[in-house]
Protein backbone atom coordinates (compact mmCIF):
# COMPACT_ATOMS: atom_id res chain seq x y z
CA MET A 1 4.83 19.91 6.08
CA GLY A 2 7.84 18.20 4.51
CA LEU A 3 9.25 17.31 7.92
CA LEU A 4 5.83 16.06 8.99
CA GLY A 5 5.77 13.71 5.99
CA VAL A 6 9.30 12.50 6.78
CA ALA A 7 8.31 11.82 10.40
CA GLN A 8 5.32 9.79 9.23
CA PHE A 9 7.06 7.60 6.63
CA LEU A 10 10.57 7.28 8.06
CA PRO A 11 9.67 4.40 10.44
CA GLY A 12 9.07 2.11 7.42
CA PRO A 13 12.68 1.90 6.20
CA LEU A 14 14.00 2.54 9.72
CA PHE A 15 12.20 -0.24 11.62
CA GLY A 16 10.62 -2.47 8.96
CA LEU A 17 13.27 -5.19 8.77
CA VAL A 18 13.72 -5.39 12.54
CA ALA A 19 9.94 -5.52 12.99
CA GLY A 20 9.74 -8.45 10.56
CA VAL A 21 12.32 -10.47 12.48
CA TRP A 22 10.62 -9.60 15.78
CA LEU A 23 7.19 -10.66 14.46
CA ASP A 24 8.53 -14.05 13.36
CA ARG A 25 9.34 -14.75 17.04
CA ARG A 26 5.93 -14.10 18.57
CA ARG A 27 2.18 -14.36 18.03
CA ARG A 28 1.07 -11.68 15.58
CA LEU A 29 -2.53 -11.02 16.64
CA PRO A 30 -1.63 -9.37 19.99
CA VAL A 31 0.79 -7.13 18.09
CA VAL A 32 -2.05 -6.02 15.78
CA VAL A 33 -4.20 -5.18 18.82
CA TRP A 34 -1.53 -3.26 20.74
CA SER A 35 -0.32 -1.31 17.72
CA GLN A 36 -3.88 0.04 17.42
CA VAL A 37 -3.82 1.01 21.11
CA VAL A 38 -0.50 2.85 20.68
CA ASN A 39 -1.86 4.84 17.72
CA LEU A 40 -5.02 5.62 19.70
CA ALA A 41 -2.95 7.02 22.58
CA ALA A 42 -0.65 9.04 20.32
CA LEU A 43 -3.46 10.63 18.28
CA ALA A 44 -5.53 11.41 21.36
CA THR A 45 -2.79 13.74 22.60
CA VAL A 46 -3.44 16.15 19.71
CA PRO A 47 -7.02 17.22 20.56
CA ALA A 48 -6.07 17.20 24.26
CA ALA A 49 -3.17 19.59 23.62
CA ALA A 50 -5.31 21.73 21.33
CA LEU A 51 -8.00 22.09 24.00
CA GLY A 52 -5.28 23.09 26.46
CA HIS A 53 -3.82 25.59 23.94
CA VAL A 54 -0.38 23.95 24.07
CA LEU A 55 -0.31 22.18 20.67
CA GLY A 56 2.81 22.81 18.59
CA LEU A 57 4.74 21.36 15.67
CA PRO A 58 7.23 19.34 17.80
CA GLN A 59 4.31 17.37 19.24
CA LEU A 60 2.89 16.78 15.75
CA TYR A 61 6.27 15.48 14.57
CA ALA A 62 6.38 13.08 17.52
CA VAL A 63 2.80 11.90 16.94
CA ALA A 64 3.48 11.38 13.22
CA PHE A 65 6.58 9.31 14.02
CA VAL A 66 4.79 7.18 16.64
CA THR A 67 1.76 6.52 14.43
CA GLY A 68 4.04 5.81 11.46
CA THR A 69 5.84 3.23 13.58
CA GLY A 70 2.52 1.74 14.68
CA TYR A 71 1.37 1.54 11.05
CA THR A 72 4.61 -0.14 9.97
CA ILE A 73 4.40 -2.85 12.63
CA SER A 74 0.63 -3.33 12.28
CA ARG A 75 0.75 -3.61 8.49
CA ILE A 76 3.50 -6.24 8.54
CA ALA A 77 1.72 -8.13 11.35
CA GLN A 78 -1.61 -8.14 9.47
CA VAL A 79 -0.09 -9.51 6.26
CA SER A 80 1.81 -12.15 8.25
CA PHE A 81 -1.26 -13.14 10.30
CA LEU A 82 -3.71 -13.46 7.40
CA PRO A 83 -2.63 -16.98 6.31
CA THR A 84 -3.17 -18.22 9.89
CA LEU A 85 -6.53 -16.47 10.13
CA ALA A 86 -8.02 -17.56 6.80
CA GLY A 87 -6.09 -20.74 6.03
CA ARG A 88 -3.67 -20.86 3.14
CA GLU A 89 -6.21 -22.63 0.93
CA ASN A 90 -8.50 -19.57 1.17
CA LEU A 91 -5.91 -16.86 0.53
CA VAL A 92 -7.34 -15.53 -2.76
CA GLU A 93 -10.78 -14.93 -1.25
CA ALA A 94 -9.31 -13.61 2.01
CA ASN A 95 -7.02 -11.16 0.22
CA ALA A 96 -9.88 -10.02 -2.00
CA LYS A 97 -11.90 -9.12 1.09
CA TYR A 98 -8.88 -7.55 2.78
CA GLN A 99 -8.10 -5.40 -0.27
CA ALA A 100 -11.78 -4.50 -0.72
CA SER A 101 -11.98 -3.21 2.87
CA MET A 102 -8.85 -1.12 2.34
CA THR A 103 -10.26 0.26 -0.91
CA VAL A 104 -13.53 1.28 0.75
CA ALA A 105 -11.54 2.98 3.52
CA SER A 106 -9.30 4.84 1.06
CA PHE A 107 -12.40 5.94 -0.87
CA ALA A 108 -14.45 7.09 2.12
CA GLY A 109 -11.68 8.29 4.46
CA PRO A 110 -10.52 11.48 2.69
CA GLY A 111 -14.10 12.67 2.13
CA LEU A 112 -15.08 12.05 5.75
CA ALA A 113 -11.87 13.77 6.88
CA GLY A 114 -12.67 16.88 4.85
CA LEU A 115 -16.20 17.08 6.25
CA ALA A 116 -14.99 16.53 9.82
CA VAL A 117 -12.26 19.18 9.56
CA GLN A 118 -14.68 21.70 8.06
CA ALA A 119 -17.42 21.04 10.61
CA LEU A 120 -15.41 20.34 13.77
CA THR A 121 -11.86 21.73 13.18
CA ALA A 122 -8.79 19.56 12.58
CA PRO A 123 -7.91 18.67 16.22
CA ILE A 124 -11.43 17.41 16.93
CA ALA A 125 -11.39 15.48 13.67
CA LEU A 126 -8.25 13.74 14.95
CA ALA A 127 -10.20 12.73 18.06
CA PHE A 128 -12.52 10.75 15.76
CA ASP A 129 -9.46 9.34 14.03
CA ALA A 130 -8.16 8.18 17.42
CA PHE A 131 -11.53 6.57 18.16
CA SER A 132 -11.27 4.57 14.92
CA PHE A 133 -8.13 2.92 16.33
CA LEU A 134 -10.10 1.95 19.43
CA VAL A 135 -12.59 0.21 17.13
CA GLY A 136 -9.66 -1.48 15.38
CA ALA A 137 -8.16 -2.71 18.65
CA VAL A 138 -11.49 -4.04 19.99
CA THR A 139 -12.48 -5.85 16.79
CA ALA A 140 -9.02 -7.40 16.46
CA ALA A 141 -9.15 -8.53 20.10
CA TRP A 142 -12.55 -10.18 19.37
CA ILE A 143 -10.91 -12.65 16.98
CA ARG A 144 -11.13 -16.09 18.58
CA LEU A 145 -8.39 -18.14 16.97
CA HIS A 146 -5.64 -20.29 18.38
CA GLU A 147 -2.46 -18.86 16.92
CA PRO A 148 0.40 -21.34 17.39
CA ALA A 149 3.37 -19.96 19.28
CA PRO A 150 6.48 -19.73 17.08
CA ALA A 151 9.35 -22.06 17.84
CA PRO A 152 11.72 -20.42 20.33
CA ALA A 153 14.81 -18.96 18.72
CA THR A 154 17.96 -20.76 19.81
CA GLU A 155 19.96 -17.59 19.27
CA ARG A 156 19.22 -14.00 18.34
CA ARG A 157 20.55 -13.15 14.87
CA VAL A 158 18.59 -10.04 13.94
CA VAL A 159 20.85 -8.89 11.09
CA ALA A 160 21.21 -12.40 9.64
CA GLU A 161 17.44 -13.08 9.83
CA ALA A 162 16.60 -9.72 8.25
CA ARG A 163 19.06 -10.55 5.47
CA GLU A 164 17.34 -13.93 4.97
CA GLY A 165 14.04 -12.11 4.45
CA LEU A 166 15.54 -9.82 1.82
CA LEU A 167 17.29 -12.72 0.06
CA PHE A 168 14.04 -14.71 -0.11
CA LEU A 169 12.54 -11.86 -2.15
CA TRP A 170 15.15 -12.55 -4.81
CA ARG A 171 15.69 -16.30 -4.58
CA HIS A 172 12.08 -17.48 -4.98
CA PRO A 173 11.14 -16.93 -8.67
CA LEU A 174 7.48 -16.06 -8.02
CA VAL A 175 8.29 -13.72 -5.13
CA ARG A 176 11.09 -12.12 -7.16
CA SER A 177 8.71 -11.37 -10.05
CA ILE A 178 6.14 -9.90 -7.65
CA SER A 179 8.73 -7.80 -5.80
CA LEU A 180 10.15 -6.28 -9.00
CA THR A 181 6.68 -5.45 -10.31
CA ILE A 182 5.63 -3.80 -7.04
CA LEU A 183 8.88 -1.83 -6.85
CA ALA A 184 8.59 -0.55 -10.43
CA SER A 185 4.89 0.33 -10.23
CA ASN A 186 5.19 2.13 -6.89
CA SER A 187 8.27 4.07 -7.97
CA ALA A 188 6.50 5.10 -11.19
CA GLY A 189 3.46 6.19 -9.21
CA ARG A 190 5.58 8.39 -6.93
CA VAL A 191 7.37 10.00 -9.92
CA SER A 192 3.96 10.75 -11.44
CA SER A 193 2.41 12.05 -8.23
CA ALA A 194 5.26 14.55 -7.81
CA VAL A 195 4.03 16.48 -10.86
CA PHE A 196 0.45 15.26 -11.37
CA VAL A 197 -1.41 17.94 -9.41
CA LEU A 198 0.93 20.71 -10.58
CA LEU A 199 0.36 19.77 -14.21
CA PHE A 200 -3.33 18.90 -14.33
CA VAL A 201 -4.68 21.29 -11.69
CA GLY A 202 -2.14 24.10 -11.74
CA ARG A 203 -1.49 24.27 -15.48
CA LEU A 204 -4.37 22.55 -17.30
CA GLY A 205 -7.18 23.81 -15.06
CA LEU A 206 -8.64 20.60 -13.66
CA THR A 207 -10.84 21.49 -10.68
CA PRO A 208 -10.32 19.93 -7.22
CA ALA A 209 -13.74 18.29 -7.54
CA GLN A 210 -12.74 16.66 -10.83
CA LEU A 211 -9.47 15.52 -9.29
CA GLY A 212 -11.41 13.92 -6.42
CA LEU A 213 -13.78 12.20 -8.87
CA THR A 214 -10.78 10.78 -10.73
CA PHE A 215 -9.44 9.22 -7.53
CA ALA A 216 -12.95 7.98 -6.67
CA ALA A 217 -13.25 6.30 -10.08
CA SER A 218 -9.98 4.46 -9.43
CA SER A 219 -11.18 3.30 -6.00
CA ILE A 220 -14.52 2.05 -7.35
CA SER A 221 -12.87 0.10 -10.17
CA SER A 222 -10.41 -1.33 -7.61
CA LEU A 223 -13.37 -2.56 -5.59
CA ALA A 224 -14.76 -4.23 -8.71
CA GLY A 225 -11.37 -5.83 -9.36
CA ALA A 226 -11.28 -7.26 -5.84
CA GLN A 227 -14.73 -8.81 -6.26
CA LEU A 228 -13.98 -10.28 -9.69
CA ALA A 229 -10.52 -11.65 -8.88
CA LYS A 230 -11.65 -15.12 -7.82
CA PRO A 231 -14.07 -15.86 -10.72
CA LEU A 232 -11.52 -14.56 -13.24
CA ILE A 233 -8.86 -16.87 -11.79
CA GLU A 234 -11.20 -19.86 -11.98
CA ARG A 235 -11.78 -19.20 -15.66
CA LEU A 236 -8.37 -18.01 -16.91
CA GLY A 237 -5.79 -18.96 -14.28
CA VAL A 238 -3.95 -16.87 -11.73
CA GLY A 239 -0.83 -16.20 -13.86
CA PRO A 240 -2.58 -14.82 -16.96
CA ILE A 241 -4.83 -12.65 -14.76
CA MET A 242 -1.81 -11.18 -12.97
CA VAL A 243 -0.02 -10.47 -16.27
CA ALA A 244 -3.19 -8.80 -17.55
CA GLY A 245 -3.35 -6.77 -14.33
CA THR A 246 0.17 -5.40 -14.83
CA VAL A 247 -0.59 -4.55 -18.46
CA LEU A 248 -3.80 -2.74 -17.46
CA LEU A 249 -1.89 -0.86 -14.77
CA SER A 250 0.63 0.34 -17.38
CA VAL A 251 -2.10 1.27 -19.85
CA GLY A 252 -4.02 3.20 -17.20
CA LEU A 253 -0.92 5.19 -16.27
CA ALA A 254 -0.22 5.86 -19.97
CA PHE A 255 -3.61 7.63 -20.30
CA ASN A 256 -1.99 10.58 -18.50
CA ILE A 257 0.00 11.41 -21.64
CA PRO A 258 -2.92 11.99 -24.07
CA ALA A 259 -4.80 13.70 -21.22
CA ALA A 260 -1.92 16.18 -20.84
CA LEU A 261 -1.93 16.90 -24.59
CA ALA A 262 -5.70 16.92 -25.17
CA PRO A 263 -7.94 20.00 -25.47
CA ARG A 264 -9.34 21.14 -22.11
CA PRO A 265 -12.79 19.41 -22.43
CA PHE A 266 -11.15 16.00 -22.94
CA VAL A 267 -8.65 16.14 -20.05
CA PHE A 268 -11.04 14.97 -17.32
CA PRO A 269 -12.66 12.12 -19.34
CA LEU A 270 -9.25 10.76 -20.36
CA LEU A 271 -7.91 10.91 -16.81
CA THR A 272 -11.02 9.20 -15.48
CA ALA A 273 -10.79 6.41 -18.08
CA GLY A 274 -7.14 5.88 -17.20
CA ALA A 275 -7.95 5.81 -13.48
CA VAL A 276 -10.65 3.16 -14.01
CA ILE A 277 -8.27 0.93 -16.00
CA LEU A 278 -5.41 1.45 -13.54
CA GLY A 279 -7.56 0.74 -10.47
CA PHE A 280 -8.98 -2.48 -11.90
CA GLY A 281 -5.56 -3.76 -13.01
CA LEU A 282 -3.93 -2.83 -9.73
CA MET A 283 -6.46 -4.69 -7.61
CA THR A 284 -6.64 -7.86 -9.74
CA TYR A 285 -2.86 -8.06 -9.42
CA ASN A 286 -2.67 -7.20 -5.72
CA VAL A 287 -5.24 -9.74 -4.57
CA ASN A 288 -3.36 -12.55 -6.27
CA GLN A 289 0.19 -11.48 -5.44
CA GLN A 290 -0.66 -11.38 -1.74
CA ALA A 291 -2.24 -14.84 -1.97
CA ILE A 292 0.86 -16.25 -3.67
CA ARG A 293 3.22 -14.69 -1.14
CA GLY A 294 1.08 -16.03 1.70
CA ALA A 295 1.29 -19.53 0.21
CA VAL A 296 4.93 -19.82 -0.80
CA ILE A 297 6.60 -17.99 2.12
CA PRO A 298 7.08 -20.37 5.09
CA ASN A 299 5.14 -19.26 8.15
CA HIS A 300 8.27 -18.81 10.27
CA MET A 301 9.58 -16.31 7.66
CA LEU A 302 6.39 -14.43 6.82
CA GLY A 303 7.21 -11.49 9.07
CA ARG A 304 10.73 -10.81 7.85
CA VAL A 305 9.94 -11.39 4.14
CA SER A 306 6.86 -9.14 4.31
CA ALA A 307 8.99 -6.56 6.12
CA GLY A 308 11.67 -6.81 3.43
CA LEU A 309 9.12 -6.04 0.73
CA PHE A 310 7.61 -3.26 2.86
CA VAL A 311 11.02 -1.60 3.22
CA LEU A 312 11.85 -2.11 -0.46
CA VAL A 313 8.61 -0.38 -1.48
CA ALA A 314 9.22 2.42 1.06
CA VAL A 315 12.66 3.08 -0.40
CA GLY A 316 11.19 3.02 -3.93
CA ASN A 317 8.48 5.46 -2.89
CA VAL A 318 11.00 7.89 -1.42
CA GLY A 319 13.33 7.54 -4.41
CA GLY A 320 10.48 7.94 -6.90
CA ALA A 321 9.18 11.07 -5.17
CA LEU A 322 12.65 12.63 -5.12
CA LEU A 323 13.27 11.68 -8.76
CA GLY A 324 9.91 13.14 -9.79
CA GLY A 325 10.67 16.39 -8.01
CA VAL A 326 14.12 16.72 -9.56
CA LEU A 327 12.89 15.85 -13.06
CA GLY A 328 9.93 18.20 -12.72
CA GLN A 329 12.30 21.09 -12.08
CA THR A 330 14.82 20.11 -14.77
CA ILE A 331 13.00 18.63 -17.77
CA GLY A 332 9.49 19.94 -17.01
CA LEU A 333 6.20 18.55 -15.75
CA PHE A 334 5.05 16.87 -18.97
CA TRP A 335 8.32 15.05 -19.70
CA THR A 336 8.48 13.89 -16.09
CA LEU A 337 5.06 12.34 -16.68
CA VAL A 338 6.47 10.60 -19.77
CA VAL A 339 9.34 9.18 -17.68
CA ALA A 340 6.82 7.95 -15.08
CA THR A 341 4.78 6.26 -17.81
CA ALA A 342 7.85 4.52 -19.24
CA LEU A 343 8.88 3.35 -15.77
CA GLY A 344 5.33 2.12 -15.16
CA ALA A 345 5.46 0.07 -18.37
CA THR A 346 8.48 -1.84 -17.05
CA SER A 347 6.36 -3.13 -14.14
CA ALA A 348 4.70 -5.60 -16.52
CA LEU A 349 8.00 -7.17 -17.65
CA PRO A 350 8.75 -9.25 -14.52
CA ALA A 351 5.27 -10.80 -14.78
CA ILE A 352 5.47 -11.46 -18.53
CA PHE A 353 8.99 -12.93 -18.59
CA SER A 354 8.79 -15.24 -15.59
CA SER A 355 7.20 -18.49 -14.48
CA LEU A 356 4.35 -16.40 -13.06
CA ALA A 357 2.82 -16.06 -16.53
CA ARG A 358 2.28 -19.85 -16.74
CA LEU A 359 0.85 -20.29 -13.24
CA ARG A 360 -2.68 -21.73 -13.29
CA GLU A 361 -3.51 -21.58 -9.58
CA VAL A 362 -2.08 -20.39 -6.29
CA PRO A 363 0.69 -22.85 -5.32
CA ALA A 364 0.24 -25.23 -2.41
CA ALA A 365 1.48 -23.91 0.91
CA GLU A 366 5.18 -24.41 1.59
């Protein structure tokens, strides 16, 4: 299972930067379509092999690696294509809808997967998963939009262009603040997730159903955050809303500490309250940070800068998971949760102590 996870997530840091440079040299919509087709083909081999009684772990490793690569390229292409699709003046609303659709999928997907596996067996459930990529490819191909061809590159400088994307993350003050917040919050989340189930389910007796309801509460509040992002910005300004989002994210994560110390009847209510706060803060921040990045990053650099952030987050996720595992075995589950909470609190600092806090609206497109 560990190797399967590595095969799935390794393409992010392995290919992300190169994919960003590559996407800046071509139209992005066809890449979105064909990445769905590749994932469809890879996943379809699993039920086919299972029906032929030849399915084995080496094939699953290969499928995980191929679909992880497809996800990496598709995700970067989608983020880079959105400003062209919606227009940079509509990025807040477009990102709210984009994030809302992802939240609904993350809320419904695991439940549907469990039902499908139980009713149909896992290989047949993966056949339905493959079909979902066919739907994705067809609906993306339906988009009727003239996407301008990028200017032809006079020379191929893959390493230099990838480096430009990483440097942009640091040089632009707004993008730097956003990148540091995302890195800190994701790393903290991975440290926490390394011990969360062991502590709350294994030691404190939370049931799997209660754990699922906690995640569902976070998804529902995220959906509310996506819908309320635009009216909140119109009233209070984009910067203050994003600062508030990071603070709520930190507060929601901090609820894990009293939940771990509380008597058994109070564990589930405290975790649920924290999940609601965290989900709302996370989404109000995410909708706006994507809109700002889409506005301030020049179109010819969107691919490589988005890829740079994608890789940075992937490295933080891997590092956070490893740190959480090591700390869980050395200082214990509870104190690892305390470390995760402290790390999560630092995610608010780049938003508070930067020009982002004074921003009233999404900047004009650069």
